[in-house]
PDB file of all heavy atoms in Angstrom:
ATOM      1  N   MET A   1      43.261  45.608  29.441  1.00  0.00           N
ATOM      2  CA  MET A   1      42.139  46.544  29.360  1.00  0.00           C
ATOM      3  C   MET A   1      42.224  47.373  28.082  1.00  0.00           C
ATOM      4  O   MET A   1      41.206  47.603  27.403  1.00  0.00           O
ATOM      5  CB  MET A   1      42.129  47.459  30.583  1.00  0.00           C
ATOM      6  CG  MET A   1      40.977  48.463  30.587  1.00  0.00           C
ATOM      7  SD  MET A   1      39.349  47.676  30.713  1.00  0.00           S
ATOM      8  CE  MET A   1      39.326  47.290  32.468  1.00  0.00           C
ATOM      9  N   THR A   2      43.429  47.819  27.724  1.00  0.00           N
ATOM     10  CA  THR A   2      43.599  48.587  26.488  1.00  0.00           C
ATOM     11  C   THR A   2      43.156  47.771  25.281  1.00  0.00           C
ATOM     12  O   THR A   2      42.455  48.264  24.400  1.00  0.00           O
ATOM     13  CB  THR A   2      45.074  49.002  26.313  1.00  0.00           C
ATOM     14  OG1 THR A   2      45.456  49.838  27.418  1.00  0.00           O
ATOM     15  CG2 THR A   2      45.266  49.765  25.012  1.00  0.00           C
ATOM     16  N   GLY A   3      43.535  46.492  25.275  1.00  0.00           N
ATOM     17  CA  GLY A   3      43.165  45.630  24.159  1.00  0.00           C
ATOM     18  C   GLY A   3      41.661  45.431  24.032  1.00  0.00           C
ATOM     19  O   GLY A   3      41.098  45.524  22.946  1.00  0.00           O
ATOM     20  N   VAL A   4      40.997  45.195  25.163  1.00  0.00           N
ATOM     21  CA  VAL A   4      39.563  44.924  25.092  1.00  0.00           C
ATOM     22  C   VAL A   4      38.775  46.197  24.765  1.00  0.00           C
ATOM     23  O   VAL A   4      37.771  46.144  24.033  1.00  0.00           O
ATOM     24  CB  VAL A   4      39.070  44.266  26.401  1.00  0.00           C
ATOM     25  CG1 VAL A   4      38.884  45.277  27.520  1.00  0.00           C
ATOM     26  CG2 VAL A   4      37.767  43.504  26.177  1.00  0.00           C
ATOM     27  N   LEU A   5      39.219  47.348  25.240  1.00  0.00           N
ATOM     28  CA  LEU A   5      38.532  48.598  24.917  1.00  0.00           C
ATOM     29  C   LEU A   5      38.713  48.966  23.446  1.00  0.00           C
ATOM     30  O   LEU A   5      37.795  49.495  22.801  1.00  0.00           O
ATOM     31  CB  LEU A   5      39.028  49.728  25.815  1.00  0.00           C
ATOM     32  CG  LEU A   5      38.664  49.620  27.303  1.00  0.00           C
ATOM     33  CD1 LEU A   5      39.236  50.794  28.083  1.00  0.00           C
ATOM     34  CD2 LEU A   5      37.161  49.529  27.488  1.00  0.00           C
ATOM     35  N   GLN A   6      39.888  48.671  22.905  1.00  0.00           N
ATOM     36  CA  GLN A   6      40.113  48.915  21.478  1.00  0.00           C
ATOM     37  C   GLN A   6      39.219  48.027  20.618  1.00  0.00           C
ATOM     38  O   GLN A   6      38.650  48.476  19.617  1.00  0.00           O
ATOM     39  CB  GLN A   6      41.584  48.682  21.132  1.00  0.00           C
ATOM     40  CG  GLN A   6      42.517  49.772  21.635  1.00  0.00           C
ATOM     41  CD  GLN A   6      43.978  49.462  21.361  1.00  0.00           C
ATOM     42  OE1 GLN A   6      44.332  48.318  21.044  1.00  0.00           O
ATOM     43  NE2 GLN A   6      44.840  50.463  21.487  1.00  0.00           N
ATOM     44  N   GLN A   7      39.074  46.757  21.024  1.00  0.00           N
ATOM     45  CA  GLN A   7      38.162  45.865  20.301  1.00  0.00           C
ATOM     46  C   GLN A   7      36.734  46.391  20.365  1.00  0.00           C
ATOM     47  O   GLN A   7      35.986  46.335  19.378  1.00  0.00           O
ATOM     48  CB  GLN A   7      38.215  44.457  20.893  1.00  0.00           C
ATOM     49  CG  GLN A   7      39.535  43.731  20.696  1.00  0.00           C
ATOM     50  CD  GLN A   7      39.525  42.390  21.394  1.00  0.00           C
ATOM     51  OE1 GLN A   7      38.612  41.589  21.214  1.00  0.00           O
ATOM     52  NE2 GLN A   7      40.535  42.144  22.219  1.00  0.00           N
ATOM     53  N   GLY A   8      36.343  46.883  21.545  1.00  0.00           N
ATOM     54  CA  GLY A   8      35.009  47.425  21.698  1.00  0.00           C
ATOM     55  C   GLY A   8      34.761  48.607  20.780  1.00  0.00           C
ATOM     56  O   GLY A   8      33.700  48.716  20.150  1.00  0.00           O
ATOM     57  N   ARG A   9      35.744  49.504  20.686  1.00  0.00           N
ATOM     58  CA  ARG A   9      35.591  50.674  19.809  1.00  0.00           C
ATOM     59  C   ARG A   9      35.443  50.252  18.353  1.00  0.00           C
ATOM     60  O   ARG A   9      34.682  50.857  17.597  1.00  0.00           O
ATOM     61  CB  ARG A   9      36.795  51.609  19.972  1.00  0.00           C
ATOM     62  CG  ARG A   9      36.854  52.297  21.327  1.00  0.00           C
ATOM     63  CD  ARG A   9      37.938  53.360  21.366  1.00  0.00           C
ATOM     64  NE  ARG A   9      38.090  53.901  22.710  1.00  0.00           N
ATOM     65  CZ  ARG A   9      39.020  53.500  23.569  1.00  0.00           C
ATOM     66  NH1 ARG A   9      39.892  52.568  23.211  1.00  0.00           N
ATOM     67  NH2 ARG A   9      39.093  54.029  24.771  1.00  0.00           N
ATOM     68  N   ARG A  10      36.185  49.214  17.949  1.00  0.00           N
ATOM     69  CA  ARG A  10      36.056  48.740  16.571  1.00  0.00           C
ATOM     70  C   ARG A  10      34.655  48.198  16.293  1.00  0.00           C
ATOM     71  O   ARG A  10      34.215  48.152  15.145  1.00  0.00           O
ATOM     72  CB  ARG A  10      37.109  47.661  16.281  1.00  0.00           C
ATOM     73  CG  ARG A  10      38.520  48.214  16.134  1.00  0.00           C
ATOM     74  CD  ARG A  10      39.434  47.207  15.483  1.00  0.00           C
ATOM     75  NE  ARG A  10      39.667  46.032  16.302  1.00  0.00           N
ATOM     76  CZ  ARG A  10      40.670  45.919  17.174  1.00  0.00           C
ATOM     77  NH1 ARG A  10      41.522  46.920  17.337  1.00  0.00           N
ATOM     78  NH2 ARG A  10      40.817  44.804  17.880  1.00  0.00           N
ATOM     79  N   ASN A  11      33.956  47.776  17.345  1.00  0.00           N
ATOM     80  CA  ASN A  11      32.590  47.292  17.206  1.00  0.00           C
ATOM     81  C   ASN A  11      31.561  48.355  17.579  1.00  0.00           C
ATOM     82  O   ASN A  11      30.389  48.048  17.797  1.00  0.00           O
ATOM     83  CB  ASN A  11      32.377  46.046  18.072  1.00  0.00           C
ATOM     84  CG  ASN A  11      32.999  44.800  17.462  1.00  0.00           C
ATOM     85  OD1 ASN A  11      32.513  44.266  16.477  1.00  0.00           O
ATOM     86  ND2 ASN A  11      34.101  44.356  18.046  1.00  0.00           N
ATOM     87  N   GLY A  12      32.023  49.623  17.675  1.00  0.00           N
ATOM     88  CA  GLY A  12      31.101  50.728  17.911  1.00  0.00           C
ATOM     89  C   GLY A  12      30.720  50.968  19.348  1.00  0.00           C
ATOM     90  O   GLY A  12      29.723  51.644  19.622  1.00  0.00           O
ATOM     91  N   VAL A  13      31.494  50.430  20.307  1.00  0.00           N
ATOM     92  CA  VAL A  13      31.184  50.599  21.725  1.00  0.00           C
ATOM     93  C   VAL A  13      32.290  51.398  22.397  1.00  0.00           C
ATOM     94  O   VAL A  13      33.436  50.944  22.488  1.00  0.00           O
ATOM     95  CB  VAL A  13      31.023  49.238  22.437  1.00  0.00           C
ATOM     96  CG1 VAL A  13      30.728  49.449  23.924  1.00  0.00           C
ATOM     97  CG2 VAL A  13      29.915  48.423  21.793  1.00  0.00           C
ATOM     98  N   GLU A  14      31.945  52.607  22.871  1.00  0.00           N
ATOM     99  CA  GLU A  14      32.880  53.434  23.617  1.00  0.00           C
ATOM    100  C   GLU A  14      32.722  53.161  25.109  1.00  0.00           C
ATOM    101  O   GLU A  14      31.738  52.547  25.548  1.00  0.00           O
ATOM    102  CB  GLU A  14      32.627  54.913  23.325  1.00  0.00           C
ATOM    103  CG  GLU A  14      32.823  55.321  21.873  1.00  0.00           C
ATOM    104  CD  GLU A  14      34.288  55.289  21.449  1.00  0.00           C
ATOM    105  OE1 GLU A  14      35.158  55.309  22.333  1.00  0.00           O
ATOM    106  OE2 GLU A  14      34.539  55.233  20.230  1.00  0.00           O
ATOM    107  N   VAL A  15      33.687  53.615  25.908  1.00  0.00           N
ATOM    108  CA  VAL A  15      33.612  53.427  27.354  1.00  0.00           C
ATOM    109  C   VAL A  15      32.340  54.044  27.906  1.00  0.00           C
ATOM    110  O   VAL A  15      31.683  53.481  28.799  1.00  0.00           O
ATOM    111  CB  VAL A  15      34.857  54.034  28.042  1.00  0.00           C
ATOM    112  CG1 VAL A  15      34.712  53.981  29.564  1.00  0.00           C
ATOM    113  CG2 VAL A  15      36.121  53.301  27.610  1.00  0.00           C
ATOM    114  N   SER A  16      31.938  55.185  27.364  1.00  0.00           N
ATOM    115  CA  SER A  16      30.733  55.868  27.832  1.00  0.00           C
ATOM    116  C   SER A  16      29.462  55.078  27.528  1.00  0.00           C
ATOM    117  O   SER A  16      28.411  55.312  28.150  1.00  0.00           O
ATOM    118  CB  SER A  16      30.641  57.256  27.202  1.00  0.00           C
ATOM    119  OG  SER A  16      30.626  57.167  25.784  1.00  0.00           O
ATOM    120  N   ASP A  17      29.519  54.143  26.586  1.00  0.00           N
ATOM    121  CA  ASP A  17      28.351  53.334  26.236  1.00  0.00           C
ATOM    122  C   ASP A  17      28.142  52.161  27.192  1.00  0.00           C
ATOM    123  O   ASP A  17      27.086  51.523  27.167  1.00  0.00           O
ATOM    124  CB  ASP A  17      28.497  52.786  24.810  1.00  0.00           C
ATOM    125  CG  ASP A  17      28.562  53.889  23.765  1.00  0.00           C
ATOM    126  OD1 ASP A  17      27.856  54.900  23.939  1.00  0.00           O
ATOM    127  OD2 ASP A  17      29.318  53.742  22.786  1.00  0.00           O
ATOM    128  N   ILE A  18      29.148  51.854  28.006  1.00  0.00           N
ATOM    129  CA  ILE A  18      29.072  50.701  28.912  1.00  0.00           C
ATOM    130  C   ILE A  18      28.242  51.081  30.132  1.00  0.00           C
ATOM    131  O   ILE A  18      28.566  52.019  30.860  1.00  0.00           O
ATOM    132  CB  ILE A  18      30.478  50.243  29.328  1.00  0.00           C
ATOM    133  CG1 ILE A  18      31.255  49.794  28.086  1.00  0.00           C
ATOM    134  CG2 ILE A  18      30.407  49.116  30.347  1.00  0.00           C
ATOM    135  CD1 ILE A  18      32.709  49.464  28.354  1.00  0.00           C
ATOM    136  N   ASP A  19      27.161  50.351  30.361  1.00  0.00           N
ATOM    137  CA  ASP A  19      26.240  50.664  31.461  1.00  0.00           C
ATOM    138  C   ASP A  19      26.678  50.059  32.788  1.00  0.00           C
ATOM    139  O   ASP A  19      26.375  50.600  33.852  1.00  0.00           O
ATOM    140  CB  ASP A  19      24.825  50.170  31.127  1.00  0.00           C
ATOM    141  CG  ASP A  19      24.242  50.885  29.917  1.00  0.00           C
ATOM    142  OD1 ASP A  19      24.512  52.096  29.783  1.00  0.00           O
ATOM    143  OD2 ASP A  19      23.542  50.238  29.115  1.00  0.00           O
ATOM    144  N   ALA A  20      27.335  48.901  32.747  1.00  0.00           N
ATOM    145  CA  ALA A  20      27.714  48.238  33.994  1.00  0.00           C
ATOM    146  C   ALA A  20      28.955  47.391  33.783  1.00  0.00           C
ATOM    147  O   ALA A  20      29.184  46.854  32.696  1.00  0.00           O
ATOM    148  CB  ALA A  20      26.568  47.367  34.502  1.00  0.00           C
ATOM    149  N   VAL A  21      29.758  47.284  34.829  1.00  0.00           N
ATOM    150  CA  VAL A  21      30.969  46.457  34.833  1.00  0.00           C
ATOM    151  C   VAL A  21      30.837  45.484  35.999  1.00  0.00           C
ATOM    152  O   VAL A  21      30.738  45.895  37.157  1.00  0.00           O
ATOM    153  CB  VAL A  21      32.233  47.316  35.004  1.00  0.00           C
ATOM    154  CG1 VAL A  21      33.477  46.433  35.074  1.00  0.00           C
ATOM    155  CG2 VAL A  21      32.351  48.319  33.867  1.00  0.00           C
ATOM    156  N   LEU A  22      30.815  44.185  35.686  1.00  0.00           N
ATOM    157  CA  LEU A  22      30.620  43.156  36.703  1.00  0.00           C
ATOM    158  C   LEU A  22      31.968  42.550  37.083  1.00  0.00           C
ATOM    159  O   LEU A  22      32.675  42.011  36.229  1.00  0.00           O
ATOM    160  CB  LEU A  22      29.682  42.067  36.168  1.00  0.00           C
ATOM    161  CG  LEU A  22      29.394  40.897  37.096  1.00  0.00           C
ATOM    162  CD1 LEU A  22      28.662  41.365  38.348  1.00  0.00           C
ATOM    163  CD2 LEU A  22      28.584  39.823  36.364  1.00  0.00           C
ATOM    164  N   LEU A  23      32.318  42.625  38.353  1.00  0.00           N
ATOM    165  CA  LEU A  23      33.567  42.059  38.853  1.00  0.00           C
ATOM    166  C   LEU A  23      33.293  40.684  39.455  1.00  0.00           C
ATOM    167  O   LEU A  23      32.399  40.531  40.274  1.00  0.00           O
ATOM    168  CB  LEU A  23      34.187  42.969  39.912  1.00  0.00           C
ATOM    169  CG  LEU A  23      34.448  44.422  39.506  1.00  0.00           C
ATOM    170  CD1 LEU A  23      35.158  45.159  40.632  1.00  0.00           C
ATOM    171  CD2 LEU A  23      35.278  44.490  38.226  1.00  0.00           C
ATOM    172  N   VAL A  24      34.076  39.680  39.029  1.00  0.00           N
ATOM    173  CA  VAL A  24      33.867  38.317  39.521  1.00  0.00           C
ATOM    174  C   VAL A  24      35.187  37.730  39.992  1.00  0.00           C
ATOM    175  O   VAL A  24      36.256  38.087  39.509  1.00  0.00           O
ATOM    176  CB  VAL A  24      33.242  37.411  38.438  1.00  0.00           C
ATOM    177  CG1 VAL A  24      31.884  37.928  38.025  1.00  0.00           C
ATOM    178  CG2 VAL A  24      34.149  37.287  37.225  1.00  0.00           C
ATOM    179  N   GLY A  25      35.103  36.810  40.954  1.00  0.00           N
ATOM    180  CA  GLY A  25      36.291  36.135  41.457  1.00  0.00           C
ATOM    181  C   GLY A  25      36.866  36.798  42.694  1.00  0.00           C
ATOM    182  O   GLY A  25      36.558  37.947  43.025  1.00  0.00           O
ATOM    183  N   GLY A  26      37.729  36.058  43.385  1.00  0.00           N
ATOM    184  CA  GLY A  26      38.272  36.551  44.643  1.00  0.00           C
ATOM    185  C   GLY A  26      39.239  37.703  44.501  1.00  0.00           C
ATOM    186  O   GLY A  26      39.303  38.584  45.371  1.00  0.00           O
ATOM    187  N   THR A  27      40.005  37.752  43.404  1.00  0.00           N
ATOM    188  CA  THR A  27      41.022  38.787  43.249  1.00  0.00           C
ATOM    189  C   THR A  27      40.419  40.190  43.200  1.00  0.00           C
ATOM    190  O   THR A  27      41.058  41.157  43.604  1.00  0.00           O
ATOM    191  CB  THR A  27      41.860  38.519  41.980  1.00  0.00           C
ATOM    192  OG1 THR A  27      42.456  37.220  42.084  1.00  0.00           O
ATOM    193  CG2 THR A  27      42.968  39.541  41.815  1.00  0.00           C
ATOM    194  N   VAL A  28      39.182  40.313  42.723  1.00  0.00           N
ATOM    195  CA  VAL A  28      38.557  41.641  42.637  1.00  0.00           C
ATOM    196  C   VAL A  28      38.221  42.187  44.014  1.00  0.00           C
ATOM    197  O   VAL A  28      37.822  43.356  44.142  1.00  0.00           O
ATOM    198  CB  VAL A  28      37.281  41.612  41.765  1.00  0.00           C
ATOM    199  CG1 VAL A  28      37.609  41.136  40.367  1.00  0.00           C
ATOM    200  CG2 VAL A  28      36.189  40.733  42.386  1.00  0.00           C
ATOM    201  N   GLN A  29      38.379  41.373  45.073  1.00  0.00           N
ATOM    202  CA  GLN A  29      38.144  41.856  46.432  1.00  0.00           C
ATOM    203  C   GLN A  29      39.331  42.639  46.976  1.00  0.00           C
ATOM    204  O   GLN A  29      39.221  43.323  47.998  1.00  0.00           O
ATOM    205  CB  GLN A  29      37.849  40.671  47.364  1.00  0.00           C
ATOM    206  CG  GLN A  29      36.587  39.909  47.014  1.00  0.00           C
ATOM    207  CD  GLN A  29      35.351  40.786  47.148  1.00  0.00           C
ATOM    208  OE1 GLN A  29      34.928  41.132  48.246  1.00  0.00           O
ATOM    209  NE2 GLN A  29      34.761  41.150  46.027  1.00  0.00           N
ATOM    210  N   ILE A  30      40.485  42.554  46.308  1.00  0.00           N
ATOM    211  CA  ILE A  30      41.666  43.301  46.741  1.00  0.00           C
ATOM    212  C   ILE A  30      41.423  44.787  46.490  1.00  0.00           C
ATOM    213  O   ILE A  30      41.113  45.185  45.360  1.00  0.00           O
ATOM    214  CB  ILE A  30      42.916  42.826  45.975  1.00  0.00           C
ATOM    215  CG1 ILE A  30      43.181  41.340  46.267  1.00  0.00           C
ATOM    216  CG2 ILE A  30      44.135  43.668  46.339  1.00  0.00           C
ATOM    217  CD1 ILE A  30      44.321  40.753  45.457  1.00  0.00           C
ATOM    218  N   PRO A  31      41.526  45.637  47.503  1.00  0.00           N
ATOM    219  CA  PRO A  31      41.235  47.072  47.336  1.00  0.00           C
ATOM    220  C   PRO A  31      42.037  47.722  46.209  1.00  0.00           C
ATOM    221  O   PRO A  31      41.506  48.562  45.483  1.00  0.00           O
ATOM    222  CB  PRO A  31      41.605  47.662  48.688  1.00  0.00           C
ATOM    223  CG  PRO A  31      41.366  46.544  49.656  1.00  0.00           C
ATOM    224  CD  PRO A  31      41.776  45.298  48.922  1.00  0.00           C
ATOM    225  N   ALA A  32      43.293  47.349  46.034  1.00  0.00           N
ATOM    226  CA  ALA A  32      44.105  47.950  44.982  1.00  0.00           C
ATOM    227  C   ALA A  32      43.573  47.591  43.600  1.00  0.00           C
ATOM    228  O   ALA A  32      43.671  48.391  42.661  1.00  0.00           O
ATOM    229  CB  ALA A  32      45.565  47.493  45.116  1.00  0.00           C
ATOM    230  N   VAL A  33      42.992  46.396  43.465  1.00  0.00           N
ATOM    231  CA  VAL A  33      42.400  45.997  42.185  1.00  0.00           C
ATOM    232  C   VAL A  33      41.134  46.805  41.928  1.00  0.00           C
ATOM    233  O   VAL A  33      40.872  47.245  40.799  1.00  0.00           O
ATOM    234  CB  VAL A  33      42.109  44.483  42.175  1.00  0.00           C
ATOM    235  CG1 VAL A  33      41.361  44.086  40.903  1.00  0.00           C
ATOM    236  CG2 VAL A  33      43.411  43.687  42.287  1.00  0.00           C
ATOM    237  N   LYS A  34      40.333  47.011  42.961  1.00  0.00           N
ATOM    238  CA  LYS A  34      39.134  47.849  42.820  1.00  0.00           C
ATOM    239  C   LYS A  34      39.516  49.271  42.397  1.00  0.00           C
ATOM    240  O   LYS A  34      38.868  49.868  41.539  1.00  0.00           O
ATOM    241  CB  LYS A  34      38.358  47.885  44.132  1.00  0.00           C
ATOM    242  CG  LYS A  34      37.765  46.559  44.557  1.00  0.00           C
ATOM    243  CD  LYS A  34      37.003  46.705  45.862  1.00  0.00           C
ATOM    244  CE  LYS A  34      36.427  45.378  46.328  1.00  0.00           C
ATOM    245  NZ  LYS A  34      35.681  45.523  47.602  1.00  0.00           N
ATOM    246  N   ASP A  35      40.571  49.794  43.011  1.00  0.00           N
ATOM    247  CA  ASP A  35      41.032  51.148  42.643  1.00  0.00           C
ATOM    248  C   ASP A  35      41.483  51.188  41.187  1.00  0.00           C
ATOM    249  O   ASP A  35      41.251  52.184  40.489  1.00  0.00           O
ATOM    250  CB  ASP A  35      42.187  51.576  43.556  1.00  0.00           C
ATOM    251  CG  ASP A  35      41.732  51.815  44.992  1.00  0.00           C
ATOM    252  OD1 ASP A  35      40.527  52.030  45.205  1.00  0.00           O
ATOM    253  OD2 ASP A  35      42.599  51.780  45.892  1.00  0.00           O
ATOM    254  N   TRP A  36      42.119  50.113  40.753  1.00  0.00           N
ATOM    255  CA  TRP A  36      42.564  50.065  39.357  1.00  0.00           C
ATOM    256  C   TRP A  36      41.381  50.105  38.399  1.00  0.00           C
ATOM    257  O   TRP A  36      41.402  50.815  37.393  1.00  0.00           O
ATOM    258  CB  TRP A  36      43.390  48.792  39.120  1.00  0.00           C
ATOM    259  CG  TRP A  36      43.749  48.591  37.687  1.00  0.00           C
ATOM    260  CD1 TRP A  36      44.785  49.156  37.002  1.00  0.00           C
ATOM    261  CD2 TRP A  36      43.047  47.786  36.741  1.00  0.00           C
ATOM    262  NE1 TRP A  36      44.770  48.754  35.684  1.00  0.00           N
ATOM    263  CE2 TRP A  36      43.710  47.910  35.499  1.00  0.00           C
ATOM    264  CE3 TRP A  36      41.919  46.962  36.823  1.00  0.00           C
ATOM    265  CZ2 TRP A  36      43.283  47.240  34.356  1.00  0.00           C
ATOM    266  CZ3 TRP A  36      41.490  46.298  35.683  1.00  0.00           C
ATOM    267  CH2 TRP A  36      42.180  46.442  34.470  1.00  0.00           C
ATOM    268  N   VAL A  37      40.323  49.368  38.707  1.00  0.00           N
ATOM    269  CA  VAL A  37      39.136  49.345  37.841  1.00  0.00           C
ATOM    270  C   VAL A  37      38.507  50.734  37.769  1.00  0.00           C
ATOM    271  O   VAL A  37      38.037  51.166  36.707  1.00  0.00           O
ATOM    272  CB  VAL A  37      38.108  48.317  38.359  1.00  0.00           C
ATOM    273  CG1 VAL A  37      36.834  48.354  37.503  1.00  0.00           C
ATOM    274  CG2 VAL A  37      38.690  46.915  38.354  1.00  0.00           C
ATOM    275  N   ARG A  38      38.524  51.464  38.889  1.00  0.00           N
ATOM    276  CA  ARG A  38      37.905  52.797  38.927  1.00  0.00           C
ATOM    277  C   ARG A  38      38.657  53.813  38.070  1.00  0.00           C
ATOM    278  O   ARG A  38      38.137  54.884  37.784  1.00  0.00           O
ATOM    279  CB  ARG A  38      37.817  53.282  40.372  1.00  0.00           C
ATOM    280  CG  ARG A  38      36.871  52.448  41.243  1.00  0.00           C
ATOM    281  CD  ARG A  38      36.668  53.076  42.617  1.00  0.00           C
ATOM    282  NE  ARG A  38      35.904  52.200  43.488  1.00  0.00           N
ATOM    283  CZ  ARG A  38      36.438  51.427  44.435  1.00  0.00           C
ATOM    284  NH1 ARG A  38      37.759  51.452  44.642  1.00  0.00           N
ATOM    285  NH2 ARG A  38      35.675  50.647  45.185  1.00  0.00           N
ATOM    286  N   GLN A  39      39.876  53.486  37.668  1.00  0.00           N
ATOM    287  CA  GLN A  39      40.594  54.372  36.756  1.00  0.00           C
ATOM    288  C   GLN A  39      39.958  54.369  35.363  1.00  0.00           C
ATOM    289  O   GLN A  39      40.127  55.314  34.603  1.00  0.00           O
ATOM    290  CB  GLN A  39      42.061  53.932  36.632  1.00  0.00           C
ATOM    291  CG  GLN A  39      42.853  54.053  37.920  1.00  0.00           C
ATOM    292  CD  GLN A  39      44.273  53.519  37.757  1.00  0.00           C
ATOM    293  OE1 GLN A  39      44.652  53.043  36.697  1.00  0.00           O
ATOM    294  NE2 GLN A  39      45.056  53.623  38.809  1.00  0.00           N
TER     295      GLN A  39
END
């Protein structure tokens, strides 16, 4: 996540600019993974 957010900033996209985050696949159904994304 740190790597992809840093790449985004280099292209002018901050976390606050992201309108939506799409979770795909079975692993994102694990509650602990959902909690991690909410951080």
